[in-house]
Amino acid sequence: MAYFPDAVSQIPDNHPDYIPAPPDRRARLTVLLHKYLDQIIDQEHQPGMTRQEREHLAGLHQQVKADIASIRYGARESEVRDMERKYGTPR
């Protein structure tokens, strides 16, 4: 039998070690990631790319989408800080 956690336990605020990132930092990072995602999508549609380049861009596309979702659903302060370093955003 599979275990499915209840919806309340999935809310980040219900965990004692949860420290939310400030809303302005989350918003700034989200805007940056959407711009980066747009650039990736534009590159994916360019003709003459090798299969390896397309696969690399597809991987980046999925990672950026996952990071945006992580921010949307309550990323911790440490996660936002890691993403800021990863994508080179100033604080």
Foldseek 3Di string as FASTA:
>chain_A
DDDDDDPVVQQQVVDPVAAFDDPVLLVVLLVVLVVVLVVLVVVLPDPDDDPVVNVVSVVVNVVSVVLNVCSVRTPGNVSSVVVCVVVVHDD
